[in-house]
Protein backbone atom coordinates (compact mmCIF):
# COMPACT_ATOMS: atom_id res chain seq x y z
CA MET A 1 12.41 1.20 -10.58
CA PHE A 2 9.56 -0.84 -9.11
CA ASP A 3 8.75 -4.08 -10.96
CA LEU A 4 5.19 -5.06 -10.07
CA ALA A 5 5.32 -8.39 -11.93
CA LYS A 6 8.35 -9.56 -9.93
CA ALA A 7 6.91 -8.23 -6.68
CA LEU A 8 3.75 -10.31 -7.12
CA ALA A 9 5.86 -13.46 -6.76
CA THR A 10 6.67 -12.47 -3.15
CA LEU A 11 3.13 -13.11 -1.91
CA PRO A 12 2.54 -16.36 -0.03
CA ARG A 13 0.22 -18.93 -1.52
CA SER A 14 -3.26 -19.34 -0.13
CA ASN A 15 -6.19 -21.65 -0.73
CA GLN A 16 -8.41 -18.60 -0.45
CA PRO A 17 -8.77 -15.60 -2.73
CA ILE A 18 -6.22 -12.88 -1.94
CA ARG A 19 -8.99 -10.45 -0.94
CA ILE A 20 -9.96 -12.88 1.84
CA ALA A 21 -6.45 -14.08 2.74
CA ALA A 22 -5.33 -10.46 3.16
CA ARG A 23 -7.92 -10.05 5.92
CA GLN A 24 -6.32 -12.82 7.98
CA PHE A 25 -3.41 -11.63 10.07
CA ARG A 26 -1.34 -14.78 9.64
CA TRP A 27 -1.29 -14.40 5.83
CA PHE A 28 -0.96 -10.62 6.01
CA LYS A 29 2.04 -10.83 8.35
CA GLU A 30 3.75 -13.52 6.28
CA ALA A 31 3.18 -11.52 3.10
CA PHE A 32 4.55 -8.34 4.67
CA TYR A 33 7.63 -10.12 6.04
CA GLN A 34 8.34 -11.84 2.72
CA TYR A 35 7.92 -8.64 0.74
CA THR A 36 10.15 -6.67 3.11
CA GLU A 37 12.79 -9.40 2.99
CA ILE A 38 12.87 -9.42 -0.82
CA PHE A 39 13.11 -5.62 -0.88
CA SER A 40 15.96 -5.82 1.65
CA GLU A 41 17.86 -8.30 -0.49
CA LEU A 42 17.40 -6.28 -3.68
CA ARG A 43 18.32 -2.90 -2.21
CA GLY A 44 20.70 -3.94 0.57
CA VAL A 45 18.77 -2.19 3.32
CA GLN A 46 17.79 -3.93 6.53
CA PHE A 47 14.52 -3.29 8.35
CA LEU A 48 13.26 -3.94 11.83
CA ILE A 49 9.57 -4.87 11.82
CA ASP A 50 7.54 -3.99 14.88
CA ASP A 51 4.98 -6.81 15.17
CA GLU A 52 2.78 -4.85 17.57
CA LYS A 53 2.56 -1.90 15.18
CA LEU A 54 1.98 -4.24 12.25
CA ALA A 55 -0.89 -5.93 14.11
CA ALA A 56 -2.34 -2.55 15.11
CA CYS A 57 -2.21 -1.29 11.49
CA PHE A 58 -3.87 -4.49 10.33
CA LEU A 59 -6.68 -4.25 12.91
CA ARG A 60 -7.33 -0.58 12.16
CA TRP A 61 -7.49 -1.43 8.45
CA LEU A 62 -10.03 -4.21 9.12
CA ASP A 63 -12.11 -1.76 11.15
CA ALA A 64 -11.92 0.85 8.38
CA ILE A 65 -13.08 -1.54 5.68
CA SER A 66 -15.79 -2.93 7.94
CA VAL A 67 -17.17 0.54 8.67
CA GLN A 68 -16.97 1.72 5.06
CA ARG A 69 -18.01 -1.44 3.19
CA PRO A 70 -21.03 -0.46 1.06
CA GLY A 71 -24.29 -2.34 1.32
CA ASP A 72 -24.91 -2.03 -2.40
CA LYS A 73 -23.41 -5.03 -4.24
CA ALA A 74 -23.05 -2.85 -7.34
CA GLU A 75 -20.23 -1.03 -5.53
CA ARG A 76 -18.28 -4.21 -4.69
CA GLU A 77 -15.60 -3.75 -7.37
CA ASP A 78 -15.14 -0.07 -6.53
CA PHE A 79 -14.73 -0.92 -2.86
CA ILE A 80 -12.20 -3.68 -3.61
CA LYS A 81 -10.25 -1.05 -5.54
CA PHE A 82 -10.55 1.45 -2.68
CA ALA A 83 -9.70 -0.83 0.28
CA PRO A 84 -5.90 -0.91 -0.28
CA SER A 85 -5.79 2.89 -0.01
CA LEU A 86 -7.20 2.43 3.49
CA MET A 87 -4.44 -0.11 4.17
CA LEU A 88 -1.77 2.42 3.19
CA ASN A 89 -3.53 5.04 5.29
CA GLU A 90 -3.11 2.83 8.38
CA PHE A 91 0.50 1.97 7.53
CA ILE A 92 1.43 5.63 7.24
CA ALA A 93 -0.37 6.50 10.49
CA ASP A 94 2.15 4.35 12.39
CA ILE A 95 4.77 2.82 10.12
CA PRO A 96 5.62 -0.66 11.46
CA ILE A 97 9.13 -0.84 9.99
CA LYS A 98 12.35 1.07 10.42
CA ALA A 99 15.37 1.00 8.12
CA THR A 100 18.43 0.22 10.22
CA ASN A 101 21.28 0.48 7.73
CA HIS A 102 20.53 2.58 4.72
CA SER A 103 23.80 4.50 4.61
CA TYR A 104 24.48 2.95 1.18
CA LEU A 105 21.51 4.96 -0.08
CA ASN A 106 22.95 8.34 0.92
CA ASP A 107 24.21 9.07 -2.59
CA ASP A 108 21.13 7.64 -4.22
CA SER A 109 18.42 10.08 -5.33
CA SER A 110 15.80 7.35 -5.75
CA VAL A 111 12.47 7.28 -4.01
CA GLU A 112 13.58 4.17 -2.11
CA ALA A 113 16.55 6.08 -0.70
CA PHE A 114 14.49 9.13 0.21
CA TRP A 115 11.97 7.23 2.33
CA PRO A 116 12.63 3.47 2.41
CA GLU A 117 9.94 2.75 5.00
CA GLY A 118 7.25 4.67 3.12
CA TYR A 119 8.29 3.08 -0.15
CA VAL A 120 8.07 -0.47 1.24
CA VAL A 121 4.61 -0.05 2.79
CA THR A 122 3.28 1.71 -0.32
CA THR A 123 4.59 -0.86 -2.77
CA PHE A 124 3.40 -3.69 -0.51
CA CYS A 125 -0.13 -2.26 -0.74
CA LEU A 126 0.28 -2.06 -4.53
CA VAL A 127 1.33 -5.71 -4.70
CA VAL A 128 -1.65 -6.93 -2.65
CA TYR A 129 -3.94 -4.74 -4.75
CA ALA A 130 -2.50 -6.01 -8.04
CA ALA A 131 -2.80 -9.65 -6.96
CA THR A 132 -6.41 -9.06 -5.95
CA MET A 133 -7.31 -7.32 -9.21
CA GLU A 134 -5.71 -10.06 -11.26
CA GLN A 135 -7.49 -12.79 -9.35
CA GLU A 136 -10.91 -11.16 -9.00
CA PHE A 137 -11.25 -9.28 -12.27
CA HIS A 138 -8.46 -10.65 -14.53
CA SER A 139 -7.25 -7.09 -14.67
CA GLU A 140 -3.63 -6.00 -14.95
CA VAL A 141 -2.75 -3.02 -12.77
CA GLN A 142 -0.95 -0.06 -14.29
CA VAL A 143 0.96 2.10 -11.84
CA ASN A 144 1.28 5.81 -12.50
CA ALA A 145 4.76 7.30 -13.09
CA THR A 146 4.26 9.18 -9.81
CA LEU A 147 5.66 6.06 -8.11
CA ASP A 148 9.16 6.96 -9.28
CA ASP A 149 8.82 10.75 -8.98
CA LEU A 150 10.86 12.00 -6.04
CA ARG A 151 9.03 15.35 -5.94
CA SER A 152 5.70 13.55 -5.48
CA TRP A 153 7.19 11.54 -2.62
CA TRP A 154 8.48 14.70 -0.91
CA SER A 155 4.94 16.04 -1.06
CA PHE A 156 3.45 12.72 0.05
CA LYS A 157 5.72 12.41 3.08
CA GLU A 158 5.26 16.01 4.16
CA ASN A 159 1.49 16.01 3.74
CA ALA A 160 0.97 12.53 5.25
CA HIS A 161 2.80 13.62 8.40
CA GLN A 162 0.31 16.46 8.74
CA GLU A 163 -2.77 14.43 7.73
CA THR A 164 -2.50 10.66 7.37
CA ALA A 165 -5.60 10.45 5.15
CA TYR A 166 -3.41 11.99 2.43
CA ALA A 167 -1.85 8.51 2.10
CA ALA A 168 -5.13 7.10 0.78
CA GLY A 169 -5.25 9.84 -1.85
CA PHE A 170 -1.63 9.24 -2.85
CA PHE A 171 -2.38 5.54 -3.35
CA GLN A 172 -5.37 6.37 -5.55
CA LEU A 173 -3.19 8.77 -7.53
CA LEU A 174 -0.63 5.99 -8.12
CA LEU A 175 -3.41 3.99 -9.76
CA GLY A 176 -4.36 6.83 -12.09
CA GLN A 177 -7.46 7.79 -10.11
CA GLU A 178 -8.35 11.34 -9.12
CA PRO A 179 -8.75 11.36 -5.33
CA ASN A 180 -11.18 13.52 -3.45
CA TRP A 181 -8.45 15.46 -1.64
CA TRP A 182 -10.92 16.85 0.90
CA SER A 183 -11.59 13.36 2.26
CA PRO A 184 -9.41 10.81 0.42
CA ALA A 185 -9.97 8.01 2.96
CA ASN A 186 -13.77 8.14 2.73
CA PHE A 187 -15.29 5.74 0.21
CA LYS A 188 -18.69 7.46 0.14
CA VAL A 189 -17.28 10.78 -1.04
CA ARG A 190 -14.63 9.43 -3.44
CA ASN A 191 -14.37 10.76 -6.96
CA LYS A 192 -16.08 8.10 -9.02
CA GLY A 193 -14.34 8.76 -12.31
CA ALA A 194 -11.00 7.02 -12.83
CA ALA A 195 -8.34 8.34 -15.10
């Protein structure tokens, strides 16, 4: 079971707010490596990280938030809440890690065993999001039980392979929000009510 409080301790320190540090590749890369390493140690699975793919995901994410950032300051908090779903969207489009030895997971029916790469990138996005929310709004993030539901992950993996924007909707669902499933990676047409 995912422990968000423990996972937050994996993030590197920064003199800048997390929302700004996360938009700098050096911090982002260090955070991703540290998180993946901790996950590897806890679950006994090793990953290869493709730095080129990681950089490409990061740059596409920066482009996505730049293009979608609203001009209205009243939407700042909503956009900060939405931006990590765009991060997951880019991770799922071209996953920058590959599990190299997860044979120990073969008898395990956990979400981590089903799709270790997808689980790591998703929970990494949750950790960055939670750190940002705590720092910016003194708000504690509650993650939906969907995070540990294998059936939801089967659906997520299948649908995200057909349409990567589904990843953004899945992330919003994990946070108890109701995504606009027609266009889950589009901030302007999001469902504005949160669960």
